[in-house]
Amino acid sequence: MRRGQVITLRMEDMEFPSKAIGTFEDKKIYIKNALIGQKVEARVTKNRKEHSEARLMNVLENAPSEVESFCPHFGDCGGCARQTLPYEEQVKLKGKLIQGLFDENNIAYDVFEDVLTSPEIYAYRNKMEYSFGDEVKGGETTLGMHRKGRFMDVVTTGQCKIVHEDFNQILLTVLDYFKSRGFTHYQRKQHIGFLRHLIVRKGRQTGEILVALNTSSQATINEQEFVDVLRGLDLGGEIVGILHLIGDTVADVVKPDEVKTLFGRDYYMDLIGDLKFKISLFSFFQTNTLGAEKLYDKTISYIDDIEGKDVFDLFSGTGTIAQIMAEKAKHVTAIELVEDAVDAAKENAKLNDIDNCDFIAGDVFVEIQKVQKRPEVIVVDPPRVGIHEKAVKEIIKFDAKELVYVSCNPKSLVMNLIDFQEAGYRVEKVCPVDMFPHTPHCETVVKLFKA
């Protein structure tokens, strides 16, 4: 076998999150975004002694459980790679792969629960960040998601099924508006052009919509006309804010030098349960609102009795979990690195008349060494990289009897759990929570106890 060789093989197994495993010439081959049971054609990209890796080119035969895609963009758009599996099969696969990670890393547990399913499997996303670009080099301007396997290409995704129809209508209207007026999209290699991104956020419970256009400074627009076009749309929700972000950063990220509010406000409101949340364009807020309610309910249920206890909420983001716990806890100390998120958490706590939370901005490893309170319960919800080893050691020093770990990345989760187990914690319960139907991603909630 050689690098660049095209091979045909049947996928026999999978590894979290999205690597399928087959055999060719008695060697394991790993192929991203293939599925168990598929017969595929792939090109070898890495040829190692122990195993090889290949890039999926074509699916020659579907897996027995696959069905027709529900989305006209499937195969072109780089998202929703699992949509040809019936939802119940997606959920089973996620549970199997996550449990496999625990077993492979010798993480002992008392109970591994079935995956909690998403309340909605279509139109569940409350935020989309679209890119302007083209499908082929030099082609007409497109707006949507990056093409599968080709990051420089952008596919117009105006019939996406994981967002409310309002998102699609806004996307197509904005694209038509700028194409009809001859505006050019930003070319990432040459750093020329105007249109960069479109961000749409919508409150699932309130219907409030925030729209932001991200451009370079290489042209100007008739801002009032742009506002009038958007406000003239017949939408299910209501646009409460329209922003224009202007920035010339080389990186393909939304990092504006200037933010202009063209209409309304620079935030929208939404609810989690009975709690109100003011969400700005850059605020972290779970992308599946109803799924988040299930995630947080499961998190709270993993605490034996929160009534009257001192609780730590580490990597607290905008303080959603902290505020839910504060309704019963004696006091919650929440620590988050991102200062804007902490400011939002404080503001939301005021909105909800919550006065038994302290929100601290700073690195968890540094800040927990300054806190005088001794928590009886610790909840952690770290970013994808997990908790740094130094911070894990500081958390362990508090010797809290109960610890609940909420993870968006089971791979980094199990690495942290090894350290917690060595420190005397036992994993009592594990529950995957599906927040991202039709994708390989999944949240996981773990309850740890120290006797």
Protein backbone atom coordinates (compact mmCIF):
# COMPACT_ATOMS: atom_id res chain seq x y z
CA MET A 1 0.00 0.00 0.00
CA ARG A 2 1.24 3.47 -0.81
CA ARG A 3 0.18 7.03 -0.11
CA GLY A 4 -2.24 8.25 -2.78
CA GLN A 5 -3.44 4.75 -3.64
CA VAL A 6 -7.20 4.37 -4.18
CA ILE A 7 -8.62 1.38 -2.29
CA THR A 8 -12.03 -0.26 -1.87
CA LEU A 9 -13.07 -1.77 1.45
CA ARG A 10 -15.99 -2.50 3.78
CA MET A 11 -16.23 -0.60 7.07
CA GLU A 12 -16.35 -2.99 10.03
CA ASP A 13 -16.20 -0.83 13.15
CA MET A 14 -16.13 2.80 14.37
CA GLU A 15 -14.19 4.99 16.76
CA PHE A 16 -15.58 8.13 18.40
CA PRO A 17 -16.53 10.55 17.01
CA SER A 18 -16.57 9.81 13.29
CA LYS A 19 -13.79 7.45 12.19
CA ALA A 20 -14.86 4.21 10.56
CA ILE A 21 -12.46 1.28 10.54
CA GLY A 22 -11.97 -1.27 7.78
CA THR A 23 -9.26 -3.72 6.72
CA PHE A 24 -7.18 -3.71 3.56
CA GLU A 25 -4.27 -6.10 3.01
CA ASP A 26 -4.51 -7.17 6.68
CA LYS A 27 -4.04 -3.60 7.90
CA LYS A 28 -6.53 -1.40 9.72
CA ILE A 29 -7.66 1.62 7.71
CA TYR A 30 -9.28 4.64 9.42
CA ILE A 31 -11.66 6.75 7.32
CA LYS A 32 -13.40 9.84 8.66
CA ASN A 33 -17.16 10.26 8.07
CA ALA A 34 -17.74 6.72 6.79
CA LEU A 35 -20.19 4.40 8.59
CA ILE A 36 -20.17 0.80 9.75
CA GLY A 37 -21.48 -1.42 6.98
CA GLN A 38 -20.64 0.90 4.10
CA LYS A 39 -18.50 -0.23 1.18
CA VAL A 40 -16.36 2.74 0.23
CA GLU A 41 -13.72 3.97 -2.14
CA ALA A 42 -10.97 5.97 -0.42
CA ARG A 43 -7.56 7.46 -1.11
CA VAL A 44 -4.71 6.57 1.28
CA THR A 45 -3.39 9.71 3.01
CA LYS A 46 -1.12 8.19 5.68
CA ASN A 47 0.54 4.80 5.58
CA ARG A 48 1.92 3.77 8.97
CA LYS A 49 3.28 0.46 10.17
CA GLU A 50 0.42 -0.17 12.61
CA HIS A 51 -2.46 1.29 10.56
CA SER A 52 -3.25 3.63 7.68
CA GLU A 53 -5.61 6.56 7.14
CA ALA A 54 -7.61 7.32 4.02
CA ARG A 55 -9.91 10.05 2.75
CA LEU A 56 -13.44 9.05 1.78
CA MET A 57 -14.06 9.51 -1.95
CA ASN A 58 -17.27 7.60 -2.71
CA VAL A 59 -19.78 5.43 -0.89
CA LEU A 60 -20.20 2.43 -3.21
CA GLU A 61 -22.78 0.63 -1.05
CA ASN A 62 -24.80 2.05 1.82
CA ALA A 63 -24.94 0.40 5.21
CA PRO A 64 -28.02 -1.84 5.65
CA SER A 65 -29.58 0.62 8.13
CA GLU A 66 -29.18 3.74 5.96
CA VAL A 67 -32.13 5.63 4.48
CA GLU A 68 -32.53 8.43 1.97
CA SER A 69 -31.23 11.84 3.07
CA PHE A 70 -33.88 14.37 4.12
CA CYS A 71 -31.81 17.37 2.95
CA PRO A 72 -31.13 18.56 -0.62
CA HIS A 73 -27.66 19.78 0.46
CA PHE A 74 -26.48 16.38 1.71
CA GLY A 75 -23.22 15.31 0.12
CA ASP A 76 -22.23 18.87 -0.72
CA CYS A 77 -22.56 20.58 2.67
CA GLY A 78 -19.98 19.54 5.26
CA GLY A 79 -22.51 19.30 8.11
CA CYS A 80 -25.02 16.63 9.23
CA ALA A 81 -22.85 13.67 8.16
CA ARG A 82 -25.11 11.16 9.97
CA GLN A 83 -28.44 12.13 8.44
CA THR A 84 -28.78 8.94 6.36
CA LEU A 85 -29.07 6.96 9.61
CA PRO A 86 -32.54 6.92 11.19
CA TYR A 87 -32.43 9.02 14.34
CA GLU A 88 -32.83 6.05 16.68
CA GLU A 89 -29.78 4.45 15.01
CA GLN A 90 -27.77 7.67 15.38
CA VAL A 91 -28.49 7.68 19.10
CA LYS A 92 -27.56 4.02 19.56
CA LEU A 93 -24.29 4.58 17.71
CA LYS A 94 -23.37 7.59 19.85
CA GLY A 95 -24.06 5.66 23.03
CA LYS A 96 -22.03 2.68 21.85
CA LEU A 97 -19.03 4.78 20.81
CA ILE A 98 -18.98 6.84 24.02
CA GLN A 99 -19.34 3.74 26.20
CA GLY A 100 -16.52 2.19 24.17
CA LEU A 101 -14.25 5.12 25.11
CA PHE A 102 -14.95 4.51 28.79
CA ASP A 103 -14.25 0.79 28.51
CA GLU A 104 -11.09 1.21 26.42
CA ASN A 105 -9.66 3.61 29.02
CA ASN A 106 -10.64 1.42 31.99
CA ILE A 107 -13.09 3.95 33.42
CA ALA A 108 -15.21 1.90 35.81
CA TYR A 109 -18.82 2.99 36.29
CA ASP A 110 -21.88 1.73 38.14
CA VAL A 111 -24.53 2.75 35.58
CA PHE A 112 -24.24 3.77 31.93
CA GLU A 113 -27.60 5.22 30.95
CA ASP A 114 -29.20 5.26 27.52
CA VAL A 115 -28.64 8.41 25.47
CA LEU A 116 -31.09 11.21 26.21
CA THR A 117 -32.58 12.15 22.86
CA SER A 118 -33.04 15.67 21.53
CA PRO A 119 -36.62 17.02 21.90
CA GLU A 120 -36.37 18.24 18.30
CA ILE A 121 -34.36 16.60 15.53
CA TYR A 122 -35.16 19.21 12.86
CA ALA A 123 -35.01 23.02 13.15
CA TYR A 124 -33.28 22.67 16.51
CA ARG A 125 -30.36 25.07 16.06
CA ASN A 126 -30.70 28.59 17.48
CA LYS A 127 -27.50 29.94 15.92
CA MET A 128 -25.80 29.71 12.51
CA GLU A 129 -22.62 31.33 11.27
CA TYR A 130 -22.64 31.32 7.47
CA SER A 131 -19.71 32.10 5.17
CA PHE A 132 -19.71 34.01 1.91
CA GLY A 133 -17.61 32.43 -0.86
CA ASP A 134 -18.00 30.45 -4.05
CA GLU A 135 -18.56 26.80 -4.96
CA VAL A 136 -15.83 26.84 -7.58
CA LYS A 137 -12.89 29.20 -7.83
CA GLY A 138 -13.98 32.38 -9.61
CA GLY A 139 -17.65 31.36 -9.52
CA GLU A 140 -20.62 33.45 -8.42
CA THR A 141 -20.99 34.39 -4.78
CA THR A 142 -22.53 31.80 -2.46
CA LEU A 143 -23.59 31.96 1.19
CA GLY A 144 -23.84 29.01 3.52
CA MET A 145 -21.60 26.20 4.76
CA HIS A 146 -18.22 24.93 3.65
CA ARG A 147 -18.27 22.10 1.13
CA LYS A 148 -17.62 18.62 2.50
CA GLY A 149 -13.88 18.01 2.46
CA ARG A 150 -13.10 21.32 0.72
CA PHE A 151 -12.84 24.19 3.19
CA MET A 152 -12.21 26.85 0.55
CA ASP A 153 -15.54 26.14 -1.20
CA VAL A 154 -18.90 27.38 0.12
CA VAL A 155 -22.28 25.82 -0.66
CA THR A 156 -25.46 27.92 -0.47
CA THR A 157 -27.61 26.10 2.10
CA GLY A 158 -30.96 27.83 1.71
CA GLN A 159 -32.99 24.69 2.42
CA CYS A 160 -31.22 23.53 5.59
CA LYS A 161 -33.41 21.34 7.79
CA ILE A 162 -31.72 21.76 11.17
CA VAL A 163 -32.70 25.44 11.41
CA HIS A 164 -36.06 27.19 11.44
CA GLU A 165 -37.22 28.38 8.02
CA ASP A 166 -36.57 31.96 9.18
CA PHE A 167 -32.82 31.26 8.91
CA ASN A 168 -33.14 30.04 5.33
CA GLN A 169 -35.27 33.00 4.32
CA ILE A 170 -32.81 35.49 5.83
CA LEU A 171 -29.85 33.72 4.18
CA LEU A 172 -31.38 33.71 0.68
CA THR A 173 -32.61 37.30 1.01
CA VAL A 174 -29.17 38.58 2.08
CA LEU A 175 -27.44 36.64 -0.71
CA ASP A 176 -29.83 37.92 -3.39
CA TYR A 177 -29.53 41.48 -2.07
CA PHE A 178 -25.76 41.62 -2.37
CA LYS A 179 -25.53 39.67 -5.63
CA SER A 180 -28.03 42.03 -7.27
CA ARG A 181 -25.87 44.98 -6.26
CA GLY A 182 -22.60 43.49 -7.44
CA PHE A 183 -20.81 43.13 -4.11
CA THR A 184 -17.89 40.69 -4.02
CA HIS A 185 -17.17 38.03 -1.42
CA TYR A 186 -13.93 38.13 0.54
CA GLN A 187 -11.19 35.93 -0.89
CA ARG A 188 -9.27 34.42 2.00
CA LYS A 189 -6.00 33.81 0.16
CA GLN A 190 -5.77 37.17 -1.61
CA HIS A 191 -7.38 39.15 1.26
CA ILE A 192 -9.54 41.13 -1.14
CA GLY A 193 -13.31 41.46 -1.32
CA PHE A 194 -16.09 42.62 0.97
CA LEU A 195 -18.60 40.02 2.20
CA ARG A 196 -17.29 37.66 4.89
CA HIS A 197 -19.96 36.13 7.16
CA LEU A 198 -23.62 36.26 8.14
CA ILE A 199 -24.60 35.32 11.70
CA VAL A 200 -28.21 34.59 12.66
CA ARG A 201 -29.35 33.84 16.21
CA LYS A 202 -32.93 33.17 17.29
CA GLY A 203 -34.61 32.67 20.64
CA ARG A 204 -36.38 29.31 20.58
CA GLN A 205 -38.84 30.35 23.30
CA THR A 206 -39.19 34.05 22.42
CA GLY A 207 -38.88 34.12 18.62
CA GLU A 208 -36.51 37.10 18.83
CA ILE A 209 -33.92 37.21 16.02
CA LEU A 210 -30.51 38.88 15.89
CA VAL A 211 -28.81 39.28 12.48
CA ALA A 212 -25.19 40.34 11.95
CA LEU A 213 -23.39 40.98 8.67
CA ASN A 214 -19.59 40.65 8.85
CA THR A 215 -17.60 42.44 6.11
CA SER A 216 -14.18 43.85 5.40
CA SER A 217 -13.67 47.61 5.21
CA GLN A 218 -13.09 47.49 1.44
CA ALA A 219 -16.54 48.83 0.52
CA THR A 220 -19.64 50.41 2.06
CA ILE A 221 -23.31 49.54 1.93
CA ASN A 222 -26.56 51.46 2.06
CA GLU A 223 -27.22 50.44 5.65
CA GLN A 224 -30.78 51.74 5.85
CA GLU A 225 -31.75 49.93 2.66
CA PHE A 226 -30.23 46.71 4.04
CA VAL A 227 -32.23 47.14 7.26
CA ASP A 228 -35.44 47.80 5.33
CA VAL A 229 -34.98 44.65 3.22
CA LEU A 230 -34.55 42.46 6.31
CA ARG A 231 -37.37 44.07 8.25
CA GLY A 232 -39.67 43.62 5.25
CA LEU A 233 -39.45 39.82 5.49
CA ASP A 234 -42.50 37.82 6.57
CA LEU A 235 -40.89 35.68 9.27
CA GLY A 236 -42.18 33.39 11.98
CA GLY A 237 -40.06 35.29 14.52
CA GLU A 238 -39.22 38.97 14.89
CA ILE A 239 -35.93 40.65 14.05
CA VAL A 240 -35.02 42.71 17.14
CA GLY A 241 -31.49 43.68 16.12
CA ILE A 242 -29.36 44.10 12.98
CA LEU A 243 -25.61 44.59 13.31
CA HIS A 244 -22.81 45.41 10.87
CA LEU A 245 -19.40 44.02 11.86
CA ILE A 246 -16.39 45.46 10.05
CA GLY A 247 -12.99 43.82 10.28
CA ASP A 248 -9.89 43.09 8.22
CA THR A 249 -8.36 40.24 10.18
CA VAL A 250 -6.55 37.76 7.92
CA ALA A 251 -7.99 34.76 9.75
CA ASP A 252 -11.33 33.35 8.58
CA VAL A 253 -13.07 34.20 11.86
CA VAL A 254 -15.63 36.75 13.01
CA LYS A 255 -13.33 39.21 14.78
CA PRO A 256 -14.53 42.74 14.02
CA ASP A 257 -12.64 45.97 14.54
CA GLU A 258 -15.93 47.86 14.62
CA VAL A 259 -19.51 46.87 15.54
CA LYS A 260 -22.38 49.07 14.38
CA THR A 261 -25.97 48.56 15.51
CA LEU A 262 -28.03 49.39 12.42
CA PHE A 263 -31.40 48.59 13.98
CA GLY A 264 -32.82 47.72 17.37
CA ARG A 265 -30.56 46.20 19.98
CA ASP A 266 -27.36 44.17 20.05
CA TYR A 267 -28.87 41.23 21.94
CA TYR A 268 -31.93 39.01 22.02
CA MET A 269 -33.77 37.27 24.85
CA ASP A 270 -34.49 33.61 25.41
CA LEU A 271 -35.58 31.30 28.21
CA ILE A 272 -34.25 28.13 29.83
CA GLY A 273 -37.11 26.88 31.95
CA ASP A 274 -38.35 29.93 33.87
CA LEU A 275 -35.02 31.76 33.70
CA LYS A 276 -34.50 34.67 31.33
CA PHE A 277 -31.26 35.14 29.40
CA LYS A 278 -29.98 38.19 27.57
CA ILE A 279 -27.79 36.87 24.74
CA SER A 280 -25.42 39.04 22.74
CA LEU A 281 -23.97 38.12 19.37
CA PHE A 282 -20.85 36.59 20.92
CA SER A 283 -22.41 35.09 24.07
CA PHE A 284 -22.05 31.36 24.56
CA PHE A 285 -25.49 29.76 24.67
CA GLN A 286 -26.21 26.12 23.90
CA THR A 287 -27.24 25.86 20.23
CA ASN A 288 -30.11 23.48 21.01
CA THR A 289 -32.31 25.32 23.51
CA LEU A 290 -34.77 22.52 24.34
CA GLY A 291 -31.90 20.03 24.39
CA ALA A 292 -30.09 22.31 26.85
CA GLU A 293 -33.05 22.09 29.22
CA LYS A 294 -32.71 18.30 29.23
CA LEU A 295 -28.94 18.56 29.67
CA TYR A 296 -29.24 20.87 32.67
CA ASP A 297 -32.08 18.83 34.20
CA LYS A 298 -29.88 15.74 34.00
CA THR A 299 -26.96 17.66 35.52
CA ILE A 300 -29.04 18.80 38.50
CA SER A 301 -30.54 15.32 38.94
CA TYR A 302 -27.02 13.93 39.37
CA ILE A 303 -26.60 15.98 42.55
CA ASP A 304 -28.02 13.99 45.47
CA ASP A 305 -29.38 16.94 47.42
CA ILE A 306 -28.36 20.45 46.45
CA GLU A 307 -30.63 22.11 49.02
CA GLY A 308 -28.65 24.45 51.29
CA LYS A 309 -25.22 23.46 49.93
CA ASP A 310 -22.24 25.50 48.80
CA VAL A 311 -21.59 24.70 45.14
CA PHE A 312 -18.81 25.49 42.69
CA ASP A 313 -19.63 25.90 38.99
CA LEU A 314 -16.31 25.83 37.13
CA PHE A 315 -15.95 26.87 33.47
CA SER A 316 -19.35 28.46 34.02
CA GLY A 317 -19.76 30.33 30.71
CA THR A 318 -22.68 32.74 30.93
CA GLY A 319 -23.77 31.14 34.20
CA THR A 320 -26.72 29.08 32.99
CA ILE A 321 -26.08 26.05 35.21
CA ALA A 322 -25.07 28.28 38.13
CA GLN A 323 -28.37 30.15 38.05
CA ILE A 324 -30.40 26.95 37.83
CA MET A 325 -28.53 25.53 40.84
CA ALA A 326 -28.87 28.81 42.75
CA GLU A 327 -32.62 28.31 43.01
CA LYS A 328 -31.98 25.61 45.64
CA ALA A 329 -28.34 25.87 46.67
CA LYS A 330 -27.14 27.97 49.61
CA HIS A 331 -24.52 29.66 47.45
CA VAL A 332 -22.90 29.15 44.04
CA THR A 333 -19.39 30.28 43.16
CA ALA A 334 -18.98 30.39 39.38
CA ILE A 335 -15.62 30.82 37.64
CA GLU A 336 -15.13 31.50 33.93
CA LEU A 337 -12.11 32.63 31.90
CA VAL A 338 -13.99 34.78 29.36
CA GLU A 339 -14.70 38.14 30.95
CA ASP A 340 -17.56 39.01 28.57
CA ALA A 341 -19.30 35.77 29.55
CA VAL A 342 -18.96 36.66 33.24
CA ASP A 343 -20.41 40.13 32.60
CA ALA A 344 -23.35 38.48 30.83
CA ALA A 345 -23.80 36.03 33.72
CA LYS A 346 -23.98 38.88 36.25
CA GLU A 347 -26.50 40.73 34.12
CA ASN A 348 -28.66 37.63 33.66
CA ALA A 349 -28.57 36.91 37.39
CA LYS A 350 -29.98 40.40 38.00
CA LEU A 351 -32.71 39.76 35.44
CA ASN A 352 -33.69 36.63 37.35
CA ASP A 353 -33.41 38.19 40.84
CA ILE A 354 -30.66 35.76 41.84
CA ASP A 355 -28.38 37.11 44.56
CA ASN A 356 -26.66 33.99 45.91
CA CYS A 357 -24.14 33.61 43.05
CA ASP A 358 -20.63 35.00 42.81
CA PHE A 359 -19.34 35.21 39.24
CA ILE A 360 -15.55 35.38 39.00
CA ALA A 361 -13.59 36.14 35.82
CA GLY A 362 -10.28 34.35 35.50
CA ASP A 363 -8.45 31.09 34.94
CA VAL A 364 -10.01 28.29 36.98
CA PHE A 365 -6.60 26.99 38.10
CA VAL A 366 -5.67 30.42 39.49
CA GLU A 367 -9.01 31.54 40.90
CA ILE A 368 -9.99 28.43 42.86
CA GLN A 369 -6.80 28.81 44.89
CA LYS A 370 -8.12 32.18 46.11
CA VAL A 371 -11.63 31.04 47.08
CA GLN A 372 -12.19 30.64 50.83
CA LYS A 373 -15.42 28.63 50.63
CA ARG A 374 -15.24 24.83 50.77
CA PRO A 375 -17.77 23.37 48.29
CA GLU A 376 -19.84 20.32 49.04
CA VAL A 377 -20.61 19.91 45.33
CA ILE A 378 -18.51 20.83 42.28
CA VAL A 379 -19.91 21.05 38.75
CA VAL A 380 -17.46 21.37 35.84
CA ASP A 381 -18.35 22.12 32.22
CA PRO A 382 -15.01 22.69 30.48
CA PRO A 383 -14.31 23.49 26.81
CA ARG A 384 -13.51 20.74 24.29
CA VAL A 385 -9.90 20.37 25.44
CA GLY A 386 -11.08 19.32 28.89
CA ILE A 387 -9.57 20.40 32.21
CA HIS A 388 -5.84 21.07 32.39
CA GLU A 389 -3.99 18.62 34.62
CA LYS A 390 -2.95 21.44 37.01
CA ALA A 391 -6.57 22.54 37.44
CA VAL A 392 -7.68 18.93 38.04
CA LYS A 393 -5.20 18.72 40.94
CA GLU A 394 -6.57 21.93 42.47
CA ILE A 395 -10.17 20.70 42.13
CA ILE A 396 -9.26 17.42 43.82
CA LYS A 397 -7.76 19.31 46.79
CA PHE A 398 -11.24 20.56 47.78
CA ASP A 399 -12.20 16.96 48.53
CA ALA A 400 -15.85 17.57 47.58
CA LYS A 401 -18.01 14.50 48.03
CA GLU A 402 -19.94 15.07 44.82
CA LEU A 403 -18.63 16.14 41.44
CA VAL A 404 -20.65 16.39 38.22
CA TYR A 405 -18.73 16.64 34.95
CA VAL A 406 -20.53 17.98 31.87
CA SER A 407 -18.52 17.36 28.71
CA CYS A 408 -18.86 18.24 25.03
CA ASN A 409 -15.88 16.00 24.18
CA PRO A 410 -15.90 12.43 25.55
CA LYS A 411 -12.25 11.94 24.55
CA SER A 412 -10.94 14.68 26.85
CA LEU A 413 -13.54 13.65 29.45
CA VAL A 414 -12.15 10.14 29.89
CA MET A 415 -8.59 11.50 30.19
CA ASN A 416 -9.72 13.70 33.11
CA LEU A 417 -11.70 10.87 34.68
CA ILE A 418 -8.55 8.75 34.92
CA ASP A 419 -7.06 11.41 37.23
CA PHE A 420 -10.24 11.74 39.29
CA GLN A 421 -10.42 7.96 39.74
CA GLU A 422 -6.81 7.83 40.91
CA ALA A 423 -7.72 10.49 43.51
CA GLY A 424 -10.45 8.27 44.95
CA TYR A 425 -13.53 9.35 43.01
CA ARG A 426 -15.91 6.68 41.73
CA VAL A 427 -17.99 7.13 38.58
CA GLU A 428 -21.53 6.35 39.65
CA LYS A 429 -23.51 7.32 36.56
CA VAL A 430 -22.90 8.30 32.95
CA CYS A 431 -25.51 9.72 30.59
CA PRO A 432 -24.87 10.90 27.02
CA VAL A 433 -27.21 13.73 26.00
CA ASP A 434 -27.76 14.25 22.29
CA MET A 435 -27.78 17.96 21.54
CA PHE A 436 -26.69 17.65 17.91
CA PRO A 437 -28.91 15.33 15.83
CA HIS A 438 -27.48 14.15 12.48
CA THR A 439 -23.90 14.93 13.57
CA PRO A 440 -21.30 12.80 15.42
CA HIS A 441 -21.23 15.16 18.42
CA CYS A 442 -22.77 14.49 21.82
CA GLU A 443 -22.70 15.91 25.35
CA THR A 444 -22.02 13.60 28.29
CA VAL A 445 -22.91 14.03 31.97
CA VAL A 446 -20.98 12.08 34.61
CA LYS A 447 -21.65 11.79 38.33
CA LEU A 448 -18.60 11.16 40.52
CA PHE A 449 -18.70 10.40 44.26
CA LYS A 450 -15.97 10.24 46.90
CA ALA A 451 -16.69 8.19 50.01
